[in-house]
Amino acid sequence: MKKIILSSITGIFLMLFGIASAQLAHTAVQSSGQFAFVKEPASKNSSHVAKDTRVNARVMRDFLESYKNVSDEKWIELKDAFVALFNLDEIDYQVAYAKNGSRMRTIRSYQENKLPQDVRHMVKSTYYDYDINVVQEIKKPRDPLVYIIQLIGSTEIIKLLVCDGEITELQKFKKSEQ
């Protein structure tokens, strides 16, 4: 199960970096937190679709039903998917849809104060000398909820995967001395 989750997470990160680099070639991109936002004006026909992005009706219907209070999202069209990027209640969202309209995944990026208490307690009770820098919550249909948590300590930075009550260290870096 851990191998499946780790390979899924790796694929998601590769896709995230692919989105940003593909857009850099064609569009000005503005970075906000963990996401790349495409700087394109909304079309006159819809306040929800970025210029030259053709989002199908099923995707738009699901998006508008799920995120009623969002009006400034940016859309990216990939070969096999549509991705909406936006911020809601101090949380950065990346919602990916397949071309047929089904939701593929949702990634929410936020600070420690938005982390569920049980997950925060599990991490802080093990890594009590570390500060939680950023959290990425990854939700995919039919998969357990996954948290990628970056911790900063006095001498090192650790990236954790938290899933089904288990903590796995993904990466550990020594801080450079300055």
N, C-alpha and C. Protein backbone atom coordinates (compact mmCIF):
# COMPACT_ATOMS: atom_id res chain seq x y z
N MET A 1 0.83 -1.19 0.00
CA MET A 1 0.00 0.00 0.00
C MET A 1 0.88 1.25 0.00
N LYS A 2 1.96 1.24 0.81
CA LYS A 2 2.85 2.39 0.87
C LYS A 2 3.51 2.64 -0.48
N LYS A 3 3.90 1.55 -1.20
CA LYS A 3 4.54 1.72 -2.50
C LYS A 3 3.58 2.36 -3.49
N ILE A 4 2.31 1.96 -3.45
CA ILE A 4 1.31 2.54 -4.35
C ILE A 4 1.14 4.02 -4.04
N ILE A 5 1.02 4.35 -2.77
CA ILE A 5 0.84 5.75 -2.37
C ILE A 5 2.07 6.57 -2.73
N LEU A 6 3.26 6.06 -2.44
CA LEU A 6 4.48 6.79 -2.77
C LEU A 6 4.62 7.00 -4.27
N SER A 7 4.30 5.99 -5.08
CA SER A 7 4.40 6.17 -6.53
C SER A 7 3.34 7.15 -7.02
N SER A 8 2.16 7.15 -6.42
CA SER A 8 1.12 8.12 -6.79
C SER A 8 1.57 9.54 -6.45
N ILE A 9 2.17 9.71 -5.28
CA ILE A 9 2.65 11.03 -4.86
C ILE A 9 3.74 11.51 -5.81
N THR A 10 4.66 10.62 -6.17
CA THR A 10 5.73 10.98 -7.10
C THR A 10 5.14 11.43 -8.43
N GLY A 11 4.14 10.70 -8.92
CA GLY A 11 3.49 11.07 -10.17
C GLY A 11 2.82 12.42 -10.09
N ILE A 12 2.19 12.71 -8.96
CA ILE A 12 1.53 14.01 -8.77
C ILE A 12 2.55 15.13 -8.79
N PHE A 13 3.68 14.96 -8.10
CA PHE A 13 4.70 16.00 -8.09
C PHE A 13 5.27 16.22 -9.49
N LEU A 14 5.49 15.14 -10.24
CA LEU A 14 5.98 15.29 -11.60
C LEU A 14 4.97 16.03 -12.45
N MET A 15 3.69 15.73 -12.26
CA MET A 15 2.65 16.43 -13.01
C MET A 15 2.60 17.90 -12.63
N LEU A 16 2.74 18.20 -11.33
CA LEU A 16 2.74 19.59 -10.89
C LEU A 16 3.86 20.37 -11.55
N PHE A 17 5.06 19.81 -11.55
CA PHE A 17 6.19 20.51 -12.15
C PHE A 17 6.03 20.58 -13.66
N GLY A 18 5.41 19.58 -14.27
CA GLY A 18 5.13 19.60 -15.70
C GLY A 18 4.16 20.70 -16.07
N ILE A 19 3.13 20.92 -15.25
CA ILE A 19 2.16 21.99 -15.50
C ILE A 19 2.87 23.33 -15.50
N ALA A 20 3.68 23.56 -14.50
CA ALA A 20 4.35 24.86 -14.38
C ALA A 20 5.31 25.09 -15.53
N SER A 21 6.11 24.08 -15.88
CA SER A 21 7.09 24.29 -16.94
C SER A 21 6.42 24.39 -18.31
N ALA A 22 5.35 23.65 -18.54
CA ALA A 22 4.65 23.74 -19.82
C ALA A 22 4.02 25.11 -19.98
N GLN A 23 3.50 25.68 -18.93
CA GLN A 23 2.87 26.99 -19.02
C GLN A 23 3.90 28.09 -19.18
N LEU A 24 5.09 27.92 -18.66
CA LEU A 24 6.12 28.95 -18.80
C LEU A 24 6.46 29.19 -20.26
N ALA A 25 6.35 28.17 -21.07
CA ALA A 25 6.68 28.32 -22.47
C ALA A 25 5.66 29.16 -23.23
N HIS A 26 4.42 29.21 -22.75
CA HIS A 26 3.35 29.86 -23.50
C HIS A 26 2.73 31.06 -22.80
N THR A 27 2.83 31.16 -21.49
CA THR A 27 2.08 32.15 -20.74
C THR A 27 2.91 32.67 -19.58
N ALA A 28 2.69 33.89 -19.19
CA ALA A 28 3.33 34.41 -17.99
C ALA A 28 2.72 33.70 -16.79
N VAL A 29 3.56 33.26 -15.86
CA VAL A 29 3.07 32.51 -14.71
C VAL A 29 3.46 33.25 -13.44
N GLN A 30 2.51 33.33 -12.52
CA GLN A 30 2.76 33.96 -11.23
C GLN A 30 2.70 32.89 -10.16
N SER A 31 3.71 32.83 -9.32
CA SER A 31 3.75 31.82 -8.27
C SER A 31 3.04 32.33 -7.03
N SER A 32 2.22 31.46 -6.43
CA SER A 32 1.53 31.79 -5.19
C SER A 32 1.54 30.55 -4.31
N GLY A 33 2.34 30.54 -3.27
CA GLY A 33 2.43 29.37 -2.41
C GLY A 33 3.04 28.21 -3.17
N GLN A 34 2.33 27.11 -3.27
CA GLN A 34 2.82 25.91 -3.90
C GLN A 34 2.33 25.74 -5.33
N PHE A 35 1.65 26.74 -5.90
CA PHE A 35 1.03 26.59 -7.21
C PHE A 35 1.51 27.64 -8.18
N ALA A 36 1.39 27.32 -9.46
CA ALA A 36 1.65 28.29 -10.51
C ALA A 36 0.31 28.75 -11.06
N PHE A 37 0.07 30.04 -11.05
CA PHE A 37 -1.19 30.59 -11.54
C PHE A 37 -0.95 31.24 -12.89
N VAL A 38 -1.76 30.88 -13.85
CA VAL A 38 -1.64 31.43 -15.19
C VAL A 38 -2.21 32.84 -15.19
N LYS A 39 -1.46 33.81 -15.71
CA LYS A 39 -1.91 35.19 -15.78
C LYS A 39 -2.59 35.42 -17.12
N GLU A 40 -3.86 35.11 -17.20
CA GLU A 40 -4.63 35.35 -18.40
C GLU A 40 -5.95 35.97 -17.99
N PRO A 41 -6.46 36.95 -18.71
CA PRO A 41 -7.74 37.52 -18.36
C PRO A 41 -8.86 36.54 -18.64
N ALA A 42 -9.93 36.61 -17.85
CA ALA A 42 -11.09 35.77 -18.08
C ALA A 42 -11.75 36.19 -19.38
N SER A 43 -12.38 35.23 -20.06
CA SER A 43 -13.05 35.57 -21.31
C SER A 43 -14.32 36.36 -21.01
N LYS A 44 -14.85 37.04 -22.01
CA LYS A 44 -16.06 37.84 -21.82
C LYS A 44 -17.28 36.95 -21.62
N ASN A 45 -17.23 35.73 -22.12
CA ASN A 45 -18.38 34.83 -22.04
C ASN A 45 -18.56 34.21 -20.66
N SER A 46 -17.49 34.09 -19.91
CA SER A 46 -17.59 33.43 -18.61
C SER A 46 -16.54 33.99 -17.68
N SER A 47 -16.92 34.22 -16.43
CA SER A 47 -15.96 34.71 -15.45
C SER A 47 -15.13 33.57 -14.87
N HIS A 48 -15.41 32.33 -15.28
CA HIS A 48 -14.74 31.18 -14.68
C HIS A 48 -13.75 30.50 -15.59
N VAL A 49 -13.61 30.90 -16.84
CA VAL A 49 -12.73 30.19 -17.76
C VAL A 49 -11.67 31.14 -18.29
N ALA A 50 -10.41 30.77 -18.11
CA ALA A 50 -9.31 31.60 -18.61
C ALA A 50 -9.33 31.59 -20.14
N LYS A 51 -8.82 32.64 -20.73
CA LYS A 51 -8.77 32.81 -22.18
C LYS A 51 -8.14 31.58 -22.84
N ASP A 52 -8.73 31.13 -23.92
CA ASP A 52 -8.24 30.01 -24.73
C ASP A 52 -8.30 28.66 -24.02
N THR A 53 -8.97 28.55 -22.89
CA THR A 53 -9.14 27.27 -22.22
C THR A 53 -10.59 26.85 -22.37
N ARG A 54 -10.81 25.71 -22.98
CA ARG A 54 -12.17 25.22 -23.23
C ARG A 54 -12.50 24.13 -22.22
N VAL A 55 -13.12 24.50 -21.13
CA VAL A 55 -13.48 23.55 -20.08
C VAL A 55 -14.85 22.98 -20.40
N ASN A 56 -14.99 21.65 -20.39
CA ASN A 56 -16.27 21.08 -20.77
C ASN A 56 -17.33 21.29 -19.69
N ALA A 57 -18.59 21.10 -20.07
CA ALA A 57 -19.74 21.42 -19.20
C ALA A 57 -19.76 20.56 -17.93
N ARG A 58 -19.40 19.29 -18.01
CA ARG A 58 -19.41 18.43 -16.81
C ARG A 58 -18.39 18.91 -15.79
N VAL A 59 -17.22 19.32 -16.26
CA VAL A 59 -16.19 19.84 -15.36
C VAL A 59 -16.69 21.11 -14.69
N MET A 60 -17.23 22.03 -15.49
CA MET A 60 -17.72 23.30 -14.94
C MET A 60 -18.84 23.08 -13.93
N ARG A 61 -19.76 22.17 -14.24
CA ARG A 61 -20.89 21.89 -13.34
C ARG A 61 -20.37 21.39 -11.99
N ASP A 62 -19.47 20.41 -12.01
CA ASP A 62 -18.93 19.88 -10.75
C ASP A 62 -18.18 20.97 -9.99
N PHE A 63 -17.38 21.75 -10.71
CA PHE A 63 -16.60 22.79 -10.06
C PHE A 63 -17.51 23.82 -9.39
N LEU A 64 -18.51 24.31 -10.11
CA LEU A 64 -19.40 25.34 -9.57
C LEU A 64 -20.24 24.82 -8.40
N GLU A 65 -20.62 23.54 -8.44
CA GLU A 65 -21.37 22.95 -7.32
C GLU A 65 -20.48 22.76 -6.09
N SER A 66 -19.23 22.40 -6.32
CA SER A 66 -18.31 22.11 -5.21
C SER A 66 -17.69 23.36 -4.60
N TYR A 67 -17.48 24.38 -5.40
CA TYR A 67 -16.77 25.59 -4.94
C TYR A 67 -17.59 26.83 -5.29
N LYS A 68 -18.70 26.99 -4.59
CA LYS A 68 -19.64 28.09 -4.86
C LYS A 68 -19.06 29.48 -4.63
N ASN A 69 -18.14 29.63 -3.69
CA ASN A 69 -17.62 30.95 -3.32
C ASN A 69 -16.35 31.34 -4.06
N VAL A 70 -16.00 30.63 -5.12
CA VAL A 70 -14.78 30.91 -5.86
C VAL A 70 -15.15 31.63 -7.16
N SER A 71 -14.45 32.73 -7.43
CA SER A 71 -14.73 33.45 -8.68
C SER A 71 -13.45 33.85 -9.41
N ASP A 72 -12.29 33.59 -8.82
CA ASP A 72 -11.05 34.04 -9.45
C ASP A 72 -10.12 32.88 -9.80
N GLU A 73 -10.68 31.71 -10.07
CA GLU A 73 -9.84 30.56 -10.39
C GLU A 73 -9.21 30.73 -11.76
N LYS A 74 -8.10 30.06 -11.95
CA LYS A 74 -7.40 30.02 -13.23
C LYS A 74 -7.46 28.59 -13.74
N TRP A 75 -7.66 28.43 -15.02
CA TRP A 75 -7.77 27.11 -15.61
C TRP A 75 -6.57 26.84 -16.51
N ILE A 76 -6.08 25.61 -16.43
CA ILE A 76 -5.02 25.15 -17.31
C ILE A 76 -5.56 23.92 -18.03
N GLU A 77 -5.40 23.88 -19.33
CA GLU A 77 -5.81 22.72 -20.11
C GLU A 77 -4.57 21.93 -20.47
N LEU A 78 -4.56 20.66 -20.08
CA LEU A 78 -3.48 19.74 -20.42
C LEU A 78 -3.98 18.77 -21.48
N LYS A 79 -3.14 17.90 -21.93
CA LYS A 79 -3.54 16.94 -22.97
C LYS A 79 -4.75 16.11 -22.54
N ASP A 80 -4.73 15.61 -21.31
CA ASP A 80 -5.80 14.72 -20.84
C ASP A 80 -6.57 15.26 -19.64
N ALA A 81 -6.41 16.54 -19.31
CA ALA A 81 -7.04 17.03 -18.08
C ALA A 81 -7.24 18.54 -18.11
N PHE A 82 -8.11 19.00 -17.22
CA PHE A 82 -8.28 20.41 -16.90
C PHE A 82 -7.89 20.58 -15.44
N VAL A 83 -7.21 21.66 -15.13
CA VAL A 83 -6.80 21.92 -13.75
C VAL A 83 -7.24 23.32 -13.36
N ALA A 84 -7.96 23.42 -12.23
CA ALA A 84 -8.36 24.72 -11.69
C ALA A 84 -7.45 25.05 -10.52
N LEU A 85 -6.95 26.28 -10.49
CA LEU A 85 -6.08 26.77 -9.42
C LEU A 85 -6.75 27.97 -8.78
N PHE A 86 -6.85 27.97 -7.45
CA PHE A 86 -7.48 29.08 -6.76
C PHE A 86 -7.13 29.05 -5.28
N ASN A 87 -7.49 30.14 -4.60
CA ASN A 87 -7.29 30.24 -3.15
C ASN A 87 -8.64 30.48 -2.52
N LEU A 88 -8.95 29.75 -1.46
CA LEU A 88 -10.20 29.90 -0.73
C LEU A 88 -9.90 29.74 0.77
N ASP A 89 -10.26 30.72 1.54
CA ASP A 89 -10.05 30.69 3.00
C ASP A 89 -8.60 30.39 3.38
N GLU A 90 -7.67 31.07 2.73
CA GLU A 90 -6.23 30.94 2.99
C GLU A 90 -5.68 29.54 2.69
N ILE A 91 -6.35 28.84 1.80
CA ILE A 91 -5.89 27.52 1.35
C ILE A 91 -5.77 27.57 -0.17
N ASP A 92 -4.59 27.17 -0.69
CA ASP A 92 -4.40 27.08 -2.14
C ASP A 92 -4.93 25.73 -2.60
N TYR A 93 -5.72 25.76 -3.68
CA TYR A 93 -6.32 24.56 -4.23
C TYR A 93 -5.79 24.31 -5.63
N GLN A 94 -5.67 23.03 -5.95
CA GLN A 94 -5.43 22.58 -7.31
C GLN A 94 -6.38 21.40 -7.51
N VAL A 95 -7.39 21.61 -8.37
CA VAL A 95 -8.39 20.58 -8.60
C VAL A 95 -8.25 20.12 -10.04
N ALA A 96 -7.96 18.84 -10.24
CA ALA A 96 -7.74 18.28 -11.57
C ALA A 96 -8.91 17.41 -11.97
N TYR A 97 -9.35 17.62 -13.23
CA TYR A 97 -10.45 16.86 -13.82
C TYR A 97 -9.97 16.16 -15.08
N ALA A 98 -10.46 14.94 -15.30
CA ALA A 98 -10.22 14.27 -16.58
C ALA A 98 -11.06 14.97 -17.64
N LYS A 99 -10.71 14.79 -18.89
CA LYS A 99 -11.45 15.44 -19.98
C LYS A 99 -12.93 15.03 -19.98
N ASN A 100 -13.24 13.83 -19.46
CA ASN A 100 -14.65 13.40 -19.43
C ASN A 100 -15.44 14.03 -18.28
N GLY A 101 -14.79 14.82 -17.44
CA GLY A 101 -15.49 15.53 -16.37
C GLY A 101 -15.33 14.93 -14.99
N SER A 102 -14.72 13.76 -14.86
CA SER A 102 -14.56 13.16 -13.53
C SER A 102 -13.38 13.80 -12.81
N ARG A 103 -13.56 13.99 -11.51
CA ARG A 103 -12.50 14.61 -10.72
C ARG A 103 -11.39 13.59 -10.47
N MET A 104 -10.16 13.97 -10.77
CA MET A 104 -9.02 13.07 -10.62
C MET A 104 -8.38 13.21 -9.24
N ARG A 105 -8.20 14.47 -8.80
CA ARG A 105 -7.59 14.70 -7.49
C ARG A 105 -7.77 16.15 -7.09
N THR A 106 -7.64 16.37 -5.78
CA THR A 106 -7.65 17.72 -5.22
C THR A 106 -6.44 17.83 -4.30
N ILE A 107 -5.64 18.88 -4.51
CA ILE A 107 -4.50 19.13 -3.63
C ILE A 107 -4.76 20.47 -2.95
N ARG A 108 -4.75 20.44 -1.63
CA ARG A 108 -4.91 21.65 -0.85
C ARG A 108 -3.59 21.92 -0.14
N SER A 109 -3.13 23.15 -0.21
CA SER A 109 -1.86 23.52 0.42
C SER A 109 -2.14 24.60 1.46
N TYR A 110 -1.66 24.37 2.70
CA TYR A 110 -1.98 25.30 3.78
C TYR A 110 -0.96 25.23 4.90
N GLN A 111 -1.18 26.09 5.89
CA GLN A 111 -0.27 26.19 7.04
C GLN A 111 -0.74 25.26 8.17
N GLU A 112 0.08 25.15 9.19
CA GLU A 112 -0.16 24.25 10.32
C GLU A 112 -1.52 24.46 10.98
N ASN A 113 -1.97 25.70 11.09
CA ASN A 113 -3.22 25.97 11.81
C ASN A 113 -4.46 25.38 11.12
N LYS A 114 -4.35 24.97 9.86
CA LYS A 114 -5.46 24.35 9.13
C LYS A 114 -5.40 22.82 9.16
N LEU A 115 -4.33 22.28 9.69
CA LEU A 115 -4.14 20.83 9.74
C LEU A 115 -5.09 20.22 10.77
N PRO A 116 -5.77 19.11 10.44
CA PRO A 116 -6.64 18.46 11.43
C PRO A 116 -5.87 18.13 12.71
N GLN A 117 -6.52 18.30 13.86
CA GLN A 117 -5.85 18.14 15.15
C GLN A 117 -5.23 16.77 15.34
N ASP A 118 -5.91 15.71 14.91
CA ASP A 118 -5.36 14.37 15.12
C ASP A 118 -4.07 14.17 14.33
N VAL A 119 -4.00 14.68 13.11
CA VAL A 119 -2.79 14.56 12.30
C VAL A 119 -1.68 15.42 12.89
N ARG A 120 -2.04 16.64 13.28
CA ARG A 120 -1.06 17.54 13.89
C ARG A 120 -0.47 16.92 15.15
N HIS A 121 -1.33 16.35 16.00
CA HIS A 121 -0.87 15.73 17.24
C HIS A 121 0.08 14.56 16.95
N MET A 122 -0.27 13.75 15.96
CA MET A 122 0.58 12.60 15.61
C MET A 122 1.97 13.07 15.18
N VAL A 123 2.03 14.11 14.35
CA VAL A 123 3.31 14.61 13.85
C VAL A 123 4.09 15.29 14.97
N LYS A 124 3.44 16.20 15.70
CA LYS A 124 4.14 16.97 16.73
C LYS A 124 4.58 16.11 17.91
N SER A 125 3.86 15.01 18.19
CA SER A 125 4.29 14.15 19.31
C SER A 125 5.54 13.36 18.96
N THR A 126 5.79 13.15 17.67
CA THR A 126 7.00 12.45 17.23
C THR A 126 8.12 13.44 16.91
N TYR A 127 7.78 14.54 16.27
CA TYR A 127 8.75 15.55 15.82
C TYR A 127 8.52 16.85 16.60
N TYR A 128 8.59 16.78 17.91
CA TYR A 128 8.24 17.93 18.76
C TYR A 128 9.21 19.10 18.67
N ASP A 129 10.45 18.87 18.21
CA ASP A 129 11.42 19.96 18.08
C ASP A 129 11.37 20.63 16.70
N TYR A 130 10.39 20.28 15.88
CA TYR A 130 10.27 20.81 14.52
C TYR A 130 9.02 21.67 14.38
N ASP A 131 9.12 22.64 13.47
CA ASP A 131 7.96 23.46 13.13
C ASP A 131 7.37 22.93 11.83
N ILE A 132 6.04 22.91 11.74
CA ILE A 132 5.38 22.52 10.50
C ILE A 132 5.37 23.74 9.60
N ASN A 133 6.06 23.63 8.47
CA ASN A 133 6.20 24.76 7.55
C ASN A 133 5.02 24.84 6.58
N VAL A 134 4.70 23.75 5.91
CA VAL A 134 3.60 23.72 4.94
C VAL A 134 3.03 22.31 4.88
N VAL A 135 1.73 22.24 4.56
CA VAL A 135 1.03 20.96 4.45
C VAL A 135 0.41 20.89 3.07
N GLN A 136 0.53 19.74 2.43
CA GLN A 136 -0.20 19.47 1.20
C GLN A 136 -1.09 18.26 1.47
N GLU A 137 -2.38 18.48 1.29
CA GLU A 137 -3.38 17.43 1.51
C GLU A 137 -3.83 16.95 0.14
N ILE A 138 -3.67 15.65 -0.13
CA ILE A 138 -3.97 15.09 -1.44
C ILE A 138 -5.15 14.13 -1.31
N LYS A 139 -6.20 14.46 -2.05
CA LYS A 139 -7.42 13.65 -2.01
C LYS A 139 -7.70 13.14 -3.42
N LYS A 140 -7.75 11.81 -3.54
CA LYS A 140 -8.07 11.18 -4.82
C LYS A 140 -9.24 10.22 -4.60
N PRO A 141 -10.14 10.12 -5.57
CA PRO A 141 -11.26 9.18 -5.42
C PRO A 141 -10.75 7.76 -5.16
N ARG A 142 -11.38 7.09 -4.24
CA ARG A 142 -11.08 5.69 -3.89
C ARG A 142 -9.71 5.46 -3.27
N ASP A 143 -9.01 6.52 -2.91
CA ASP A 143 -7.71 6.39 -2.23
C ASP A 143 -7.81 7.06 -0.86
N PRO A 144 -7.01 6.61 0.09
CA PRO A 144 -7.03 7.29 1.40
C PRO A 144 -6.45 8.70 1.29
N LEU A 145 -6.89 9.57 2.18
CA LEU A 145 -6.40 10.94 2.24
C LEU A 145 -4.92 10.91 2.64
N VAL A 146 -4.09 11.69 1.95
CA VAL A 146 -2.65 11.71 2.17
C VAL A 146 -2.22 13.13 2.51
N TYR A 147 -1.32 13.25 3.48
CA TYR A 147 -0.74 14.53 3.84
C TYR A 147 0.76 14.48 3.57
N ILE A 148 1.28 15.48 2.87
CA ILE A 148 2.71 15.66 2.73
C ILE A 148 3.03 16.88 3.59
N ILE A 149 3.88 16.69 4.60
CA ILE A 149 4.14 17.74 5.58
C ILE A 149 5.63 18.05 5.60
N GLN A 150 5.94 19.33 5.46
CA GLN A 150 7.34 19.76 5.52
C GLN A 150 7.61 20.31 6.92
N LEU A 151 8.62 19.74 7.57
CA LEU A 151 9.03 20.16 8.91
C LEU A 151 10.37 20.88 8.83
N ILE A 152 10.53 21.90 9.65
CA ILE A 152 11.80 22.61 9.72
C ILE A 152 12.31 22.55 11.16
N GLY A 153 13.51 22.03 11.32
CA GLY A 153 14.16 21.98 12.62
C GLY A 153 15.35 22.91 12.64
N SER A 154 16.09 22.88 13.71
CA SER A 154 17.24 23.78 13.83
C SER A 154 18.37 23.40 12.87
N THR A 155 18.49 22.10 12.55
CA THR A 155 19.59 21.67 11.68
C THR A 155 19.14 20.93 10.43
N GLU A 156 17.86 20.59 10.32
CA GLU A 156 17.42 19.83 9.15
C GLU A 156 15.97 20.13 8.76
N ILE A 157 15.66 19.74 7.54
CA ILE A 157 14.31 19.85 6.99
C ILE A 157 13.87 18.45 6.64
N ILE A 158 12.64 18.10 7.05
CA ILE A 158 12.12 16.76 6.80
C ILE A 158 10.79 16.87 6.08
N LYS A 159 10.60 16.01 5.07
CA LYS A 159 9.33 15.91 4.38
C LYS A 159 8.70 14.57 4.75
N LEU A 160 7.49 14.64 5.31
CA LEU A 160 6.78 13.44 5.78
C LEU A 160 5.59 13.12 4.90
N LEU A 161 5.24 11.84 4.84
CA LEU A 161 3.99 11.38 4.27
C LEU A 161 3.19 10.81 5.43
N VAL A 162 1.95 11.30 5.60
CA VAL A 162 1.08 10.79 6.65
C VAL A 162 -0.16 10.22 5.97
N CYS A 163 -0.42 8.93 6.22
CA CYS A 163 -1.56 8.26 5.59
C CYS A 163 -2.01 7.11 6.49
N ASP A 164 -3.31 7.00 6.67
CA ASP A 164 -3.89 5.92 7.47
C ASP A 164 -3.23 5.76 8.84
N GLY A 165 -2.92 6.86 9.50
CA GLY A 165 -2.35 6.82 10.84
C GLY A 165 -0.88 6.47 10.90
N GLU A 166 -0.21 6.39 9.75
CA GLU A 166 1.21 6.08 9.71
C GLU A 166 2.00 7.25 9.17
N ILE A 167 3.21 7.45 9.72
CA ILE A 167 4.11 8.50 9.26
C ILE A 167 5.30 7.84 8.58
N THR A 168 5.64 8.34 7.38
CA THR A 168 6.79 7.87 6.64
C THR A 168 7.65 9.07 6.26
N GLU A 169 8.95 9.00 6.54
CA GLU A 169 9.86 10.06 6.12
C GLU A 169 10.17 9.88 4.64
N LEU A 170 9.83 10.90 3.84
CA LEU A 170 10.11 10.85 2.41
C LEU A 170 11.50 11.39 2.10
N GLN A 171 11.85 12.52 2.74
CA GLN A 171 13.14 13.16 2.50
C GLN A 171 13.63 13.79 3.79
N LYS A 172 14.96 13.88 3.91
CA LYS A 172 15.58 14.54 5.05
C LYS A 172 16.81 15.27 4.54
N PHE A 173 16.87 16.58 4.83
CA PHE A 173 17.99 17.41 4.37
C PHE A 173 18.65 18.10 5.55
N LYS A 174 19.94 18.21 5.49
CA LYS A 174 20.68 19.03 6.46
C LYS A 174 20.57 20.47 5.99
N LYS A 175 20.35 21.38 6.92
CA LYS A 175 20.35 22.80 6.59
C LYS A 175 21.78 23.25 6.36
N SER A 176 21.95 24.17 5.43
CA SER A 176 23.30 24.68 5.19
C SER A 176 23.64 25.68 6.29
N GLU A 177 24.90 25.71 6.64
CA GLU A 177 25.35 26.66 7.67
C GLU A 177 25.76 27.94 7.02
N GLN A 178 25.30 29.06 7.57
CA GLN A 178 25.64 30.36 6.98
C GLN A 178 26.28 31.26 7.98
